Amino acid sequence: MSLTNEHIQHRLTEKFGEVLTEFAESFGMLSFAAPKDHNLKVLQFLYDDAELKFTFLTDLTGVHYPDRKNEELAVVYHLHNFQDNVRLRFKVYTAVAAPQIFTATRLFESANWMERETYDFFGIDFVGHPNLKRILNVDEMTYFPMRKEFPLEDQTRIDKDDEMFGRGGHIGI
């Protein structure tokens, strides 16, 4: 039997019921969300289930949704089942005021650096992580640069020429 998105969703719903939400399919990949206190339970089930076998963590990252009240930050897991060559996307949300999510490093060793990068850029605290510290930015930084709280460019700069970037003025021949 080939592993289908419908079967994966059925197995997840069978195990977790109404706890899982936002089921969708985009470009053939199943996506869904769970409350943040269920992230390890869902990940462990996807890993251990004899039919599902999602044993590879392809990617882990964060997303900042400033308009989602009490769910401003998301952790997005991309998992892969090598046997059936099936991938899925799993999200958990947390409030920016209390951005704690349980670490997945005990299940996936590859989560170690990905969680550190996500902490470094989004400020998500992975509870239980063995070495959660900045990985790319300097330790002295007091902010998290991938959050949408900051403008894309410094509006006070006087050394930029908007015409060179196609903003304002006309470039004529």
N, C-alpha and C. Protein backbone atom coordinates (compact mmCIF):
# COMPACT_ATOMS: atom_id res chain seq x y z
N MET A 1 0.84 -1.19 0.00
CA MET A 1 0.00 0.00 0.00
C MET A 1 0.88 1.24 0.00
N SER A 2 0.57 2.16 -0.88
CA SER A 2 1.29 3.43 -0.93
C SER A 2 0.73 4.38 0.13
N LEU A 3 1.62 5.10 0.78
CA LEU A 3 1.22 6.02 1.84
C LEU A 3 0.67 7.30 1.22
N THR A 4 -0.62 7.58 1.47
CA THR A 4 -1.26 8.76 0.92
C THR A 4 -1.48 9.81 2.00
N ASN A 5 -1.69 11.04 1.59
CA ASN A 5 -1.99 12.12 2.54
C ASN A 5 -3.28 11.84 3.29
N GLU A 6 -4.25 11.25 2.63
CA GLU A 6 -5.52 10.92 3.28
C GLU A 6 -5.31 9.89 4.39
N HIS A 7 -4.46 8.92 4.12
CA HIS A 7 -4.19 7.89 5.13
C HIS A 7 -3.42 8.49 6.32
N ILE A 8 -2.46 9.35 6.02
CA ILE A 8 -1.71 10.01 7.10
C ILE A 8 -2.65 10.83 7.97
N GLN A 9 -3.53 11.61 7.34
CA GLN A 9 -4.48 12.42 8.09
C GLN A 9 -5.41 11.53 8.91
N HIS A 10 -5.85 10.42 8.34
CA HIS A 10 -6.72 9.48 9.06
C HIS A 10 -6.01 8.93 10.30
N ARG A 11 -4.75 8.50 10.15
CA ARG A 11 -4.00 7.95 11.28
C ARG A 11 -3.79 9.02 12.37
N LEU A 12 -3.50 10.24 11.96
CA LEU A 12 -3.30 11.31 12.93
C LEU A 12 -4.59 11.65 13.66
N THR A 13 -5.69 11.73 12.92
CA THR A 13 -6.99 12.04 13.53
C THR A 13 -7.44 10.91 14.44
N GLU A 14 -7.17 9.69 14.04
CA GLU A 14 -7.49 8.52 14.85
C GLU A 14 -6.76 8.57 16.19
N LYS A 15 -5.51 9.01 16.16
CA LYS A 15 -4.68 9.05 17.38
C LYS A 15 -4.96 10.30 18.23
N PHE A 16 -5.08 11.47 17.60
CA PHE A 16 -5.15 12.73 18.35
C PHE A 16 -6.50 13.43 18.30
N GLY A 17 -7.41 12.95 17.49
CA GLY A 17 -8.75 13.54 17.43
C GLY A 17 -8.74 14.98 16.97
N GLU A 18 -9.53 15.79 17.65
CA GLU A 18 -9.72 17.19 17.26
C GLU A 18 -8.57 18.10 17.69
N VAL A 19 -7.56 17.54 18.34
CA VAL A 19 -6.41 18.35 18.79
C VAL A 19 -5.67 18.92 17.58
N LEU A 20 -5.59 18.16 16.50
CA LEU A 20 -4.88 18.60 15.30
C LEU A 20 -5.82 19.42 14.43
N THR A 21 -5.30 20.51 13.87
CA THR A 21 -6.11 21.43 13.07
C THR A 21 -5.36 21.82 11.80
N GLU A 22 -5.99 22.68 11.04
CA GLU A 22 -5.41 23.30 9.85
C GLU A 22 -4.90 22.29 8.82
N PHE A 23 -5.58 21.16 8.69
CA PHE A 23 -5.18 20.20 7.67
C PHE A 23 -5.35 20.84 6.30
N ALA A 24 -4.31 20.75 5.49
CA ALA A 24 -4.34 21.29 4.14
C ALA A 24 -3.31 20.53 3.30
N GLU A 25 -3.48 20.64 1.99
CA GLU A 25 -2.52 20.03 1.07
C GLU A 25 -2.07 21.09 0.09
N SER A 26 -0.76 21.27 -0.01
CA SER A 26 -0.20 22.25 -0.92
C SER A 26 0.92 21.59 -1.71
N PHE A 27 0.79 21.62 -3.03
CA PHE A 27 1.78 21.00 -3.90
C PHE A 27 2.03 19.54 -3.52
N GLY A 28 0.98 18.84 -3.12
CA GLY A 28 1.07 17.43 -2.78
C GLY A 28 1.57 17.13 -1.39
N MET A 29 1.89 18.17 -0.60
CA MET A 29 2.40 17.96 0.75
C MET A 29 1.32 18.25 1.79
N LEU A 30 1.10 17.32 2.68
CA LEU A 30 0.14 17.49 3.76
C LEU A 30 0.70 18.42 4.82
N SER A 31 -0.11 19.35 5.29
CA SER A 31 0.26 20.26 6.38
C SER A 31 -0.81 20.20 7.45
N PHE A 32 -0.39 20.38 8.70
CA PHE A 32 -1.34 20.45 9.80
C PHE A 32 -0.68 21.13 10.99
N ALA A 33 -1.49 21.47 11.98
CA ALA A 33 -0.99 22.14 13.18
C ALA A 33 -1.48 21.44 14.42
N ALA A 34 -0.76 21.66 15.52
CA ALA A 34 -1.13 21.10 16.82
C ALA A 34 -0.79 22.12 17.90
N PRO A 35 -1.41 22.02 19.06
CA PRO A 35 -1.02 22.89 20.18
C PRO A 35 0.44 22.62 20.55
N LYS A 36 1.11 23.64 21.06
CA LYS A 36 2.55 23.51 21.30
C LYS A 36 2.91 22.44 22.33
N ASP A 37 2.01 22.15 23.27
CA ASP A 37 2.32 21.11 24.25
C ASP A 37 2.17 19.69 23.68
N HIS A 38 1.76 19.58 22.42
CA HIS A 38 1.63 18.27 21.76
C HIS A 38 2.74 18.03 20.73
N ASN A 39 3.69 18.96 20.59
CA ASN A 39 4.66 18.79 19.51
C ASN A 39 5.45 17.49 19.62
N LEU A 40 5.92 17.14 20.81
CA LEU A 40 6.71 15.90 20.95
C LEU A 40 5.85 14.66 20.81
N LYS A 41 4.61 14.71 21.28
CA LYS A 41 3.72 13.55 21.14
C LYS A 41 3.45 13.26 19.66
N VAL A 42 3.18 14.31 18.91
CA VAL A 42 2.90 14.13 17.48
C VAL A 42 4.16 13.67 16.75
N LEU A 43 5.29 14.31 17.02
CA LEU A 43 6.53 13.92 16.37
C LEU A 43 6.90 12.47 16.68
N GLN A 44 6.73 12.07 17.93
CA GLN A 44 7.05 10.69 18.34
C GLN A 44 6.13 9.69 17.65
N PHE A 45 4.84 10.02 17.55
CA PHE A 45 3.90 9.15 16.85
C PHE A 45 4.26 9.01 15.38
N LEU A 46 4.56 10.12 14.72
CA LEU A 46 4.93 10.08 13.31
C LEU A 46 6.21 9.26 13.10
N TYR A 47 7.11 9.30 14.05
CA TYR A 47 8.37 8.56 13.99
C TYR A 47 8.15 7.07 14.23
N ASP A 48 7.39 6.73 15.28
CA ASP A 48 7.25 5.34 15.73
C ASP A 48 6.21 4.51 14.99
N ASP A 49 5.19 5.16 14.44
CA ASP A 49 4.09 4.41 13.84
C ASP A 49 4.62 3.53 12.70
N ALA A 50 4.22 2.25 12.73
CA ALA A 50 4.72 1.26 11.76
C ALA A 50 4.33 1.58 10.33
N GLU A 51 3.24 2.31 10.12
CA GLU A 51 2.81 2.67 8.77
C GLU A 51 3.39 4.02 8.33
N LEU A 52 3.53 4.95 9.24
CA LEU A 52 3.92 6.32 8.87
C LEU A 52 5.43 6.48 8.69
N LYS A 53 6.22 6.09 9.64
CA LYS A 53 7.69 6.06 9.55
C LYS A 53 8.33 7.37 9.10
N PHE A 54 7.92 8.48 9.68
CA PHE A 54 8.56 9.77 9.38
C PHE A 54 9.78 9.90 10.29
N THR A 55 10.89 9.31 9.85
CA THR A 55 12.08 9.20 10.68
C THR A 55 13.17 10.22 10.36
N PHE A 56 12.90 11.11 9.41
CA PHE A 56 13.92 12.10 9.05
C PHE A 56 13.35 13.50 9.16
N LEU A 57 14.01 14.33 9.95
CA LEU A 57 13.66 15.74 10.07
C LEU A 57 14.43 16.51 9.00
N THR A 58 13.73 16.90 7.95
CA THR A 58 14.35 17.60 6.83
C THR A 58 14.70 19.03 7.20
N ASP A 59 13.77 19.69 7.88
CA ASP A 59 13.97 21.10 8.19
C ASP A 59 13.13 21.48 9.40
N LEU A 60 13.60 22.48 10.10
CA LEU A 60 12.88 23.06 11.23
C LEU A 60 13.18 24.55 11.18
N THR A 61 12.14 25.36 11.23
CA THR A 61 12.35 26.80 11.19
C THR A 61 11.24 27.51 11.95
N GLY A 62 11.33 28.80 12.01
CA GLY A 62 10.31 29.62 12.66
C GLY A 62 9.66 30.55 11.65
N VAL A 63 8.48 31.04 12.02
CA VAL A 63 7.77 32.03 11.24
C VAL A 63 7.15 33.01 12.22
N HIS A 64 7.17 34.28 11.87
CA HIS A 64 6.54 35.30 12.72
C HIS A 64 5.26 35.78 12.05
N TYR A 65 4.14 35.57 12.72
CA TYR A 65 2.83 36.04 12.27
C TYR A 65 2.36 37.12 13.26
N PRO A 66 2.73 38.37 13.09
CA PRO A 66 2.42 39.39 14.10
C PRO A 66 0.93 39.62 14.32
N ASP A 67 0.07 39.26 13.37
CA ASP A 67 -1.36 39.50 13.51
C ASP A 67 -2.12 38.36 14.18
N ARG A 68 -1.49 37.25 14.48
CA ARG A 68 -2.15 36.12 15.15
C ARG A 68 -2.01 36.29 16.65
N LYS A 69 -3.05 36.73 17.30
CA LYS A 69 -3.00 37.00 18.74
C LYS A 69 -2.72 35.71 19.52
N ASN A 70 -1.70 35.75 20.37
CA ASN A 70 -1.25 34.63 21.20
C ASN A 70 -0.70 33.45 20.40
N GLU A 71 -0.52 33.63 19.11
CA GLU A 71 0.10 32.62 18.25
C GLU A 71 1.02 33.31 17.25
N GLU A 72 1.77 34.29 17.74
CA GLU A 72 2.58 35.11 16.84
C GLU A 72 3.76 34.36 16.23
N LEU A 73 4.27 33.37 16.95
CA LEU A 73 5.42 32.62 16.46
C LEU A 73 5.01 31.18 16.17
N ALA A 74 5.56 30.64 15.09
CA ALA A 74 5.30 29.24 14.74
C ALA A 74 6.63 28.53 14.56
N VAL A 75 6.66 27.27 14.97
CA VAL A 75 7.77 26.38 14.65
C VAL A 75 7.23 25.44 13.59
N VAL A 76 7.95 25.33 12.48
CA VAL A 76 7.52 24.50 11.36
C VAL A 76 8.51 23.37 11.19
N TYR A 77 7.98 22.14 11.26
CA TYR A 77 8.79 20.94 11.06
C TYR A 77 8.47 20.36 9.68
N HIS A 78 9.49 20.00 8.92
CA HIS A 78 9.31 19.26 7.68
C HIS A 78 9.88 17.87 7.91
N LEU A 79 9.04 16.87 7.75
CA LEU A 79 9.44 15.48 7.99
C LEU A 79 9.37 14.67 6.71
N HIS A 80 10.18 13.62 6.65
CA HIS A 80 10.26 12.80 5.44
C HIS A 80 10.21 11.32 5.81
N ASN A 81 9.39 10.59 5.07
CA ASN A 81 9.35 9.13 5.14
C ASN A 81 10.12 8.64 3.92
N PHE A 82 11.33 8.11 4.14
CA PHE A 82 12.17 7.68 3.03
C PHE A 82 11.62 6.46 2.31
N GLN A 83 10.99 5.56 3.05
CA GLN A 83 10.52 4.31 2.45
C GLN A 83 9.47 4.57 1.36
N ASP A 84 8.52 5.47 1.66
CA ASP A 84 7.46 5.77 0.69
C ASP A 84 7.70 7.10 -0.04
N ASN A 85 8.80 7.78 0.29
CA ASN A 85 9.14 9.08 -0.28
C ASN A 85 7.99 10.08 -0.14
N VAL A 86 7.55 10.25 1.08
CA VAL A 86 6.46 11.17 1.40
C VAL A 86 6.97 12.19 2.40
N ARG A 87 6.58 13.45 2.19
CA ARG A 87 6.96 14.52 3.10
C ARG A 87 5.71 15.15 3.70
N LEU A 88 5.87 15.77 4.86
CA LEU A 88 4.77 16.52 5.46
C LEU A 88 5.30 17.71 6.23
N ARG A 89 4.38 18.66 6.48
CA ARG A 89 4.70 19.89 7.21
C ARG A 89 3.82 19.92 8.46
N PHE A 90 4.45 20.19 9.59
CA PHE A 90 3.77 20.20 10.88
C PHE A 90 4.12 21.50 11.60
N LYS A 91 3.09 22.24 12.06
CA LYS A 91 3.31 23.53 12.73
C LYS A 91 2.79 23.50 14.16
N VAL A 92 3.50 24.20 15.01
CA VAL A 92 3.01 24.50 16.36
C VAL A 92 3.19 26.00 16.58
N TYR A 93 2.23 26.61 17.23
CA TYR A 93 2.25 28.06 17.46
C TYR A 93 2.48 28.35 18.94
N THR A 94 3.08 29.51 19.19
CA THR A 94 3.29 29.97 20.55
C THR A 94 3.19 31.50 20.58
N ALA A 95 2.92 32.02 21.75
CA ALA A 95 2.82 33.47 21.92
C ALA A 95 4.22 34.08 21.97
N VAL A 96 4.36 35.25 21.40
CA VAL A 96 5.65 35.93 21.41
C VAL A 96 6.05 36.32 22.84
N ALA A 97 5.06 36.48 23.71
CA ALA A 97 5.34 36.84 25.10
C ALA A 97 5.91 35.66 25.90
N ALA A 98 5.61 34.44 25.48
CA ALA A 98 6.12 33.24 26.15
C ALA A 98 6.47 32.20 25.09
N PRO A 99 7.58 32.41 24.39
CA PRO A 99 7.89 31.57 23.23
C PRO A 99 8.61 30.26 23.57
N GLN A 100 7.99 29.42 24.38
CA GLN A 100 8.61 28.16 24.76
C GLN A 100 7.97 26.98 24.01
N ILE A 101 8.83 26.14 23.44
CA ILE A 101 8.43 24.91 22.75
C ILE A 101 9.40 23.82 23.22
N PHE A 102 8.90 22.61 23.41
CA PHE A 102 9.78 21.51 23.82
C PHE A 102 10.74 21.15 22.69
N THR A 103 11.99 20.88 23.03
CA THR A 103 12.99 20.53 22.04
C THR A 103 12.73 19.15 21.44
N ALA A 104 13.12 19.00 20.18
CA ALA A 104 12.99 17.71 19.49
C ALA A 104 14.35 17.03 19.35
N THR A 105 15.35 17.50 20.08
CA THR A 105 16.71 16.99 19.92
C THR A 105 16.87 15.55 20.39
N ARG A 106 16.03 15.09 21.28
CA ARG A 106 16.15 13.70 21.75
C ARG A 106 15.60 12.71 20.71
N LEU A 107 14.72 13.19 19.87
CA LEU A 107 14.16 12.34 18.81
C LEU A 107 14.94 12.48 17.51
N PHE A 108 15.32 13.70 17.18
CA PHE A 108 16.08 13.99 15.96
C PHE A 108 17.34 14.76 16.34
N GLU A 109 18.50 14.15 16.21
CA GLU A 109 19.74 14.85 16.54
C GLU A 109 19.95 16.06 15.63
N SER A 110 19.43 15.99 14.42
CA SER A 110 19.58 17.11 13.48
C SER A 110 18.84 18.35 13.94
N ALA A 111 17.92 18.21 14.88
CA ALA A 111 17.17 19.36 15.40
C ALA A 111 18.07 20.30 16.19
N ASN A 112 19.21 19.81 16.65
CA ASN A 112 20.09 20.61 17.50
C ASN A 112 20.44 21.95 16.85
N TRP A 113 21.07 21.94 15.70
CA TRP A 113 21.49 23.19 15.07
C TRP A 113 20.31 23.95 14.52
N MET A 114 19.30 23.25 14.02
CA MET A 114 18.13 23.95 13.47
C MET A 114 17.38 24.70 14.56
N GLU A 115 17.27 24.13 15.75
CA GLU A 115 16.63 24.83 16.86
C GLU A 115 17.47 26.01 17.32
N ARG A 116 18.77 25.85 17.31
CA ARG A 116 19.64 26.98 17.67
C ARG A 116 19.48 28.13 16.69
N GLU A 117 19.42 27.83 15.41
CA GLU A 117 19.23 28.86 14.40
C GLU A 117 17.86 29.54 14.57
N THR A 118 16.84 28.75 14.83
CA THR A 118 15.49 29.29 15.03
C THR A 118 15.45 30.17 16.27
N TYR A 119 16.12 29.75 17.33
CA TYR A 119 16.23 30.60 18.52
C TYR A 119 16.96 31.90 18.18
N ASP A 120 18.06 31.78 17.46
CA ASP A 120 18.89 32.93 17.13
C ASP A 120 18.12 33.99 16.34
N PHE A 121 17.29 33.58 15.42
CA PHE A 121 16.61 34.53 14.55
C PHE A 121 15.20 34.89 14.98
N PHE A 122 14.51 34.00 15.71
CA PHE A 122 13.12 34.26 16.10
C PHE A 122 12.92 34.36 17.60
N GLY A 123 13.88 33.92 18.41
CA GLY A 123 13.75 34.00 19.87
C GLY A 123 12.88 32.92 20.47
N ILE A 124 12.69 31.81 19.79
CA ILE A 124 11.89 30.71 20.32
C ILE A 124 12.78 29.89 21.24
N ASP A 125 12.34 29.72 22.47
CA ASP A 125 13.10 29.01 23.51
C ASP A 125 12.71 27.53 23.46
N PHE A 126 13.64 26.69 23.04
CA PHE A 126 13.39 25.26 22.96
C PHE A 126 13.74 24.63 24.30
N VAL A 127 12.73 24.37 25.09
CA VAL A 127 12.88 23.87 26.45
C VAL A 127 13.51 22.49 26.42
N GLY A 128 14.61 22.33 27.15
CA GLY A 128 15.32 21.06 27.23
C GLY A 128 16.44 20.91 26.22
N HIS A 129 16.65 21.92 25.40
CA HIS A 129 17.73 21.86 24.40
C HIS A 129 19.07 21.79 25.12
N PRO A 130 20.00 20.94 24.67
CA PRO A 130 21.26 20.77 25.39
C PRO A 130 22.22 21.95 25.32
N ASN A 131 22.08 22.85 24.34
CA ASN A 131 23.03 23.95 24.21
C ASN A 131 22.40 25.10 23.45
N LEU A 132 21.29 25.62 23.95
CA LEU A 132 20.56 26.66 23.23
C LEU A 132 21.24 28.01 23.41
N LYS A 133 21.99 28.40 22.38
CA LYS A 133 22.63 29.71 22.37
C LYS A 133 22.72 30.15 20.91
N ARG A 134 23.03 31.41 20.71
CA ARG A 134 23.11 31.94 19.36
C ARG A 134 24.14 31.16 18.55
N ILE A 135 23.83 31.00 17.26
CA ILE A 135 24.70 30.21 16.40
C ILE A 135 25.31 31.03 15.27
N LEU A 136 24.60 32.05 14.80
CA LEU A 136 25.09 32.87 13.69
C LEU A 136 25.27 34.34 14.07
N ASN A 137 24.46 34.84 14.96
CA ASN A 137 24.56 36.24 15.39
C ASN A 137 25.43 36.33 16.64
N VAL A 138 25.87 37.53 16.94
CA VAL A 138 26.72 37.74 18.11
C VAL A 138 25.91 37.57 19.39
N ASP A 139 26.55 37.09 20.43
CA ASP A 139 25.87 36.84 21.71
C ASP A 139 25.28 38.10 22.32
N GLU A 140 25.84 39.26 22.00
CA GLU A 140 25.39 40.51 22.60
C GLU A 140 24.09 41.05 22.01
N MET A 141 23.60 40.45 20.94
CA MET A 141 22.35 40.94 20.33
C MET A 141 21.21 40.83 21.33
N THR A 142 20.38 41.86 21.37
CA THR A 142 19.25 41.88 22.30
C THR A 142 17.92 41.73 21.57
N TYR A 143 17.95 41.44 20.30
CA TYR A 143 16.73 41.30 19.51
C TYR A 143 16.87 40.09 18.58
N PHE A 144 15.78 39.75 17.92
CA PHE A 144 15.74 38.60 17.04
C PHE A 144 15.38 39.09 15.63
N PRO A 145 16.35 39.13 14.72
CA PRO A 145 16.22 39.88 13.47
C PRO A 145 15.17 39.38 12.47
N MET A 146 14.70 38.16 12.57
CA MET A 146 13.71 37.68 11.60
C MET A 146 12.27 37.97 12.01
N ARG A 147 12.08 38.52 13.18
CA ARG A 147 10.74 38.95 13.56
C ARG A 147 10.36 40.18 12.77
N LYS A 148 9.11 40.33 12.49
CA LYS A 148 8.63 41.44 11.66
C LYS A 148 8.43 42.72 12.47
N GLU A 149 9.10 42.82 13.58
CA GLU A 149 9.01 44.01 14.42
C GLU A 149 9.93 45.11 13.92
N PHE A 150 10.82 44.80 13.00
CA PHE A 150 11.84 45.72 12.56
C PHE A 150 11.65 46.04 11.08
N PRO A 151 11.94 47.28 10.65
CA PRO A 151 11.83 47.62 9.23
C PRO A 151 12.88 46.87 8.41
N LEU A 152 12.60 46.67 7.14
CA LEU A 152 13.52 45.95 6.28
C LEU A 152 14.82 46.72 6.05
N GLU A 153 14.74 48.04 6.06
CA GLU A 153 15.95 48.83 5.89
C GLU A 153 15.89 50.06 6.78
N ASP A 154 17.04 50.60 7.05
CA ASP A 154 17.18 51.76 7.92
C ASP A 154 16.69 53.01 7.18
N GLN A 155 15.59 53.58 7.65
CA GLN A 155 15.00 54.75 6.99
C GLN A 155 15.80 56.02 7.22
N THR A 156 16.76 56.00 8.14
CA THR A 156 17.53 57.21 8.43
C THR A 156 18.81 57.31 7.59
N ARG A 157 19.09 56.30 6.81
CA ARG A 157 20.32 56.32 5.99
C ARG A 157 20.26 57.44 4.96
N ILE A 158 21.37 58.12 4.80
CA ILE A 158 21.43 59.19 3.80
C ILE A 158 22.35 58.82 2.64
N ASP A 159 22.99 57.67 2.71
CA ASP A 159 23.93 57.27 1.67
C ASP A 159 23.28 56.43 0.58
N LYS A 160 21.98 56.23 0.62
CA LYS A 160 21.33 55.42 -0.42
C LYS A 160 20.65 56.34 -1.43
N ASP A 161 20.63 55.91 -2.65
CA ASP A 161 20.02 56.66 -3.73
C ASP A 161 18.82 55.86 -4.22
N ASP A 162 17.61 56.31 -3.89
CA ASP A 162 16.40 55.58 -4.25
C ASP A 162 16.27 55.34 -5.75
N GLU A 163 16.79 56.23 -6.55
CA GLU A 163 16.69 56.05 -8.00
C GLU A 163 17.44 54.81 -8.46
N MET A 164 18.50 54.46 -7.77
CA MET A 164 19.29 53.28 -8.13
C MET A 164 18.53 51.99 -7.83
N PHE A 165 17.52 52.08 -6.99
CA PHE A 165 16.74 50.90 -6.62
C PHE A 165 15.33 50.92 -7.23
N GLY A 166 15.11 51.81 -8.20
CA GLY A 166 13.82 51.86 -8.88
C GLY A 166 12.72 52.49 -8.07
N ARG A 167 13.10 53.26 -7.05
CA ARG A 167 12.09 53.93 -6.22
C ARG A 167 12.23 55.42 -6.43
N GLY A 168 11.17 56.01 -6.92
CA GLY A 168 11.19 57.45 -7.11
C GLY A 168 12.02 57.86 -8.30
N GLY A 169 11.70 58.96 -8.86
CA GLY A 169 12.46 59.45 -10.01
C GLY A 169 12.28 58.55 -11.22
N HIS A 170 12.85 58.97 -12.30
CA HIS A 170 12.79 58.18 -13.53
C HIS A 170 14.19 57.95 -14.04
N ILE A 171 14.42 56.77 -14.46
CA ILE A 171 15.71 56.47 -15.09
C ILE A 171 15.47 56.60 -16.59
N GLY A 172 16.03 57.61 -17.14
CA GLY A 172 15.79 57.89 -18.56
C GLY A 172 17.01 57.65 -19.41
N ILE A 173 16.75 57.58 -20.67
CA ILE A 173 17.86 57.40 -21.61
C ILE A 173 18.14 58.72 -22.29
